Amino acid sequence: MSRSNRVILVVDDDPDICWILGRLVEGLKVQCIRALNRQGALQAAQLNCQTLALVLLDAKLPDIDGLELARQIHCVAPGVPIILISGYFYKDDPIIQAALNQELIYGFVEKPFSHAEIIATIENVLSWTTRPRPTKLARQ
């Protein structure tokens, strides 16, 4: 599948963060869909499950916990990698490590993040040629 046919779903309740992440995704010549809440995220994941290459997911949404939403997204779009983005958790947080070990999420990025960090993370996922994903991404 060509990069332009792949879709990245950005889920964040902050419209500014959603916009920034969307612009970064689009700069990589990948289609971007944005969602601000659980319902929008699940609907987008279900409608795009065949072309969904990645989900960038905020850890704290007003209507659902990000890790719970990750579980729900896996139900409608199995195998799609999810990168959790958070200003509440940190990389060594036991909750994050457990989610990585369980393969609920495939990576983690702390807020505030740099554009370069997000782009490198996205590029890493998009460079996979087959699934399942390499184990090393889970240890970022």
Protein backbone atom coordinates (compact mmCIF):
# COMPACT_ATOMS: atom_id res chain seq x y z
CA MET A 1 0.00 0.00 0.00
CA SER A 2 1.44 3.37 -0.96
CA ARG A 3 1.99 5.97 1.72
CA SER A 4 -0.66 8.29 0.24
CA ASN A 5 -3.27 5.53 0.64
CA ARG A 6 -2.48 5.09 4.33
CA VAL A 7 -4.46 6.86 7.03
CA ILE A 8 -3.34 8.10 10.42
CA LEU A 9 -5.97 8.81 13.02
CA VAL A 10 -5.15 11.62 15.44
CA VAL A 11 -7.24 11.62 18.64
CA ASP A 12 -6.90 14.53 21.07
CA ASP A 13 -9.53 16.62 22.82
CA ASP A 14 -7.40 19.76 22.39
CA PRO A 15 -8.20 21.10 18.90
CA ASP A 16 -4.83 22.87 18.72
CA ILE A 17 -2.88 19.65 19.41
CA CYS A 18 -5.10 17.81 16.93
CA TRP A 19 -4.37 20.47 14.32
CA ILE A 20 -0.61 20.42 14.95
CA LEU A 21 -0.40 16.62 14.78
CA GLY A 22 -2.58 16.62 11.67
CA ARG A 23 -0.33 19.09 9.91
CA LEU A 24 2.75 17.01 10.77
CA VAL A 25 1.05 13.88 9.41
CA GLU A 26 -0.04 15.62 6.22
CA GLY A 27 3.53 16.89 5.74
CA LEU A 28 4.58 13.24 5.46
CA LYS A 29 2.18 12.77 2.53
CA VAL A 30 -0.15 10.58 4.57
CA GLN A 31 -3.89 11.07 4.93
CA CYS A 32 -4.99 12.30 8.33
CA ILE A 33 -8.29 11.98 10.13
CA ARG A 34 -8.84 13.88 13.36
CA ALA A 35 -11.15 13.04 16.24
CA LEU A 36 -11.77 14.95 19.46
CA ASN A 37 -13.53 12.22 21.44
CA ARG A 38 -14.32 8.51 21.82
CA GLN A 39 -17.23 8.42 19.40
CA GLY A 40 -15.36 10.21 16.63
CA ALA A 41 -12.29 8.03 17.13
CA LEU A 42 -14.19 4.74 17.02
CA GLN A 43 -16.22 5.80 14.02
CA ALA A 44 -13.09 6.87 12.13
CA ALA A 45 -11.26 3.67 13.05
CA GLN A 46 -14.15 1.51 11.91
CA LEU A 47 -14.69 3.37 8.63
CA ASN A 48 -10.98 3.33 7.79
CA CYS A 49 -9.88 -0.01 9.27
CA GLN A 50 -8.53 -1.28 5.91
CA THR A 51 -6.20 1.69 5.38
CA LEU A 52 -5.50 2.74 8.97
CA ALA A 53 -1.74 2.69 9.47
CA LEU A 54 -1.45 4.32 12.88
CA VAL A 55 -3.38 5.96 15.71
CA LEU A 56 -1.88 8.85 17.68
CA LEU A 57 -3.96 8.80 20.86
CA ASP A 58 -4.12 11.24 23.76
CA ALA A 59 -4.03 9.45 27.13
CA LYS A 60 -6.69 11.63 28.76
CA LEU A 61 -9.92 12.46 26.99
CA PRO A 62 -12.94 13.97 28.74
CA ASP A 63 -15.22 11.06 27.81
CA ILE A 64 -12.82 8.09 28.16
CA ASP A 65 -9.38 7.04 29.34
CA GLY A 66 -6.95 6.72 26.43
CA LEU A 67 -5.93 3.17 27.32
CA GLU A 68 -9.57 2.07 27.41
CA LEU A 69 -10.11 3.72 24.04
CA ALA A 70 -7.04 1.87 22.74
CA ARG A 71 -8.74 -1.42 23.71
CA GLN A 72 -11.89 -0.37 21.89
CA ILE A 73 -9.97 0.71 18.79
CA HIS A 74 -8.24 -2.69 18.70
CA CYS A 75 -11.69 -4.30 18.61
CA VAL A 76 -12.75 -2.39 15.49
CA ALA A 77 -9.31 -2.18 13.83
CA PRO A 78 -7.22 -5.13 15.05
CA GLY A 79 -3.47 -4.90 14.61
CA VAL A 80 -3.33 -1.15 14.04
CA PRO A 81 -0.44 0.34 16.03
CA ILE A 82 -1.39 2.92 18.64
CA ILE A 83 1.05 5.51 19.96
CA LEU A 84 -0.10 7.00 23.25
CA ILE A 85 0.67 10.68 23.79
CA SER A 86 0.46 12.09 27.29
CA GLY A 87 1.31 14.95 29.56
CA TYR A 88 0.08 12.94 32.56
CA PHE A 89 2.20 9.82 32.26
CA TYR A 90 5.91 9.36 31.70
CA LYS A 91 7.81 6.65 29.79
CA ASP A 92 8.77 4.66 32.87
CA ASP A 93 5.31 4.84 34.45
CA PRO A 94 4.20 1.30 35.42
CA ILE A 95 0.86 1.83 33.64
CA ILE A 96 2.63 2.73 30.40
CA GLN A 97 5.11 -0.13 30.71
CA ALA A 98 2.24 -2.58 31.30
CA ALA A 99 0.37 -1.27 28.25
CA LEU A 100 3.52 -1.66 26.15
CA ASN A 101 4.20 -5.17 27.45
CA GLN A 102 0.60 -6.18 26.74
CA GLU A 103 0.92 -4.65 23.26
CA LEU A 104 -2.09 -2.46 23.96
CA ILE A 105 0.03 0.42 22.73
CA TYR A 106 3.07 0.23 20.47
CA GLY A 107 4.83 3.34 21.64
CA PHE A 108 4.65 6.35 23.92
CA VAL A 109 5.44 10.04 23.47
CA GLU A 110 5.47 12.52 26.34
CA LYS A 111 3.97 15.99 26.11
CA PRO A 112 5.38 18.43 25.44
CA PHE A 113 6.83 16.74 22.38
CA SER A 114 9.02 18.05 19.62
CA HIS A 115 7.91 17.92 16.02
CA ALA A 116 11.01 15.88 15.24
CA GLU A 117 10.06 13.27 17.85
CA ILE A 118 6.54 12.84 16.46
CA ILE A 119 7.78 12.70 12.88
CA ALA A 120 10.42 10.09 13.77
CA THR A 121 7.81 8.00 15.56
CA ILE A 122 5.42 8.15 12.62
CA GLU A 123 8.20 7.39 10.13
CA ASN A 124 9.25 4.39 12.23
CA VAL A 125 5.76 2.93 12.11
CA LEU A 126 5.25 3.71 8.42
CA SER A 127 8.53 2.02 7.56
CA TRP A 128 7.27 -1.35 8.75
CA THR A 129 6.72 -3.57 5.79
CA THR A 130 4.99 -6.41 7.58
CA ARG A 131 3.11 -7.03 10.80
CA PRO A 132 3.57 -7.88 13.59
CA ARG A 133 5.58 -4.85 14.56
CA PRO A 134 9.19 -4.98 15.66
CA THR A 135 9.55 -5.38 19.42
CA LYS A 136 11.99 -2.48 19.75
CA LEU A 137 9.33 0.20 19.15
CA ALA A 138 7.54 -0.86 22.29
CA ARG A 139 10.62 0.00 24.29
CA GLN A 140 10.95 3.61 23.11
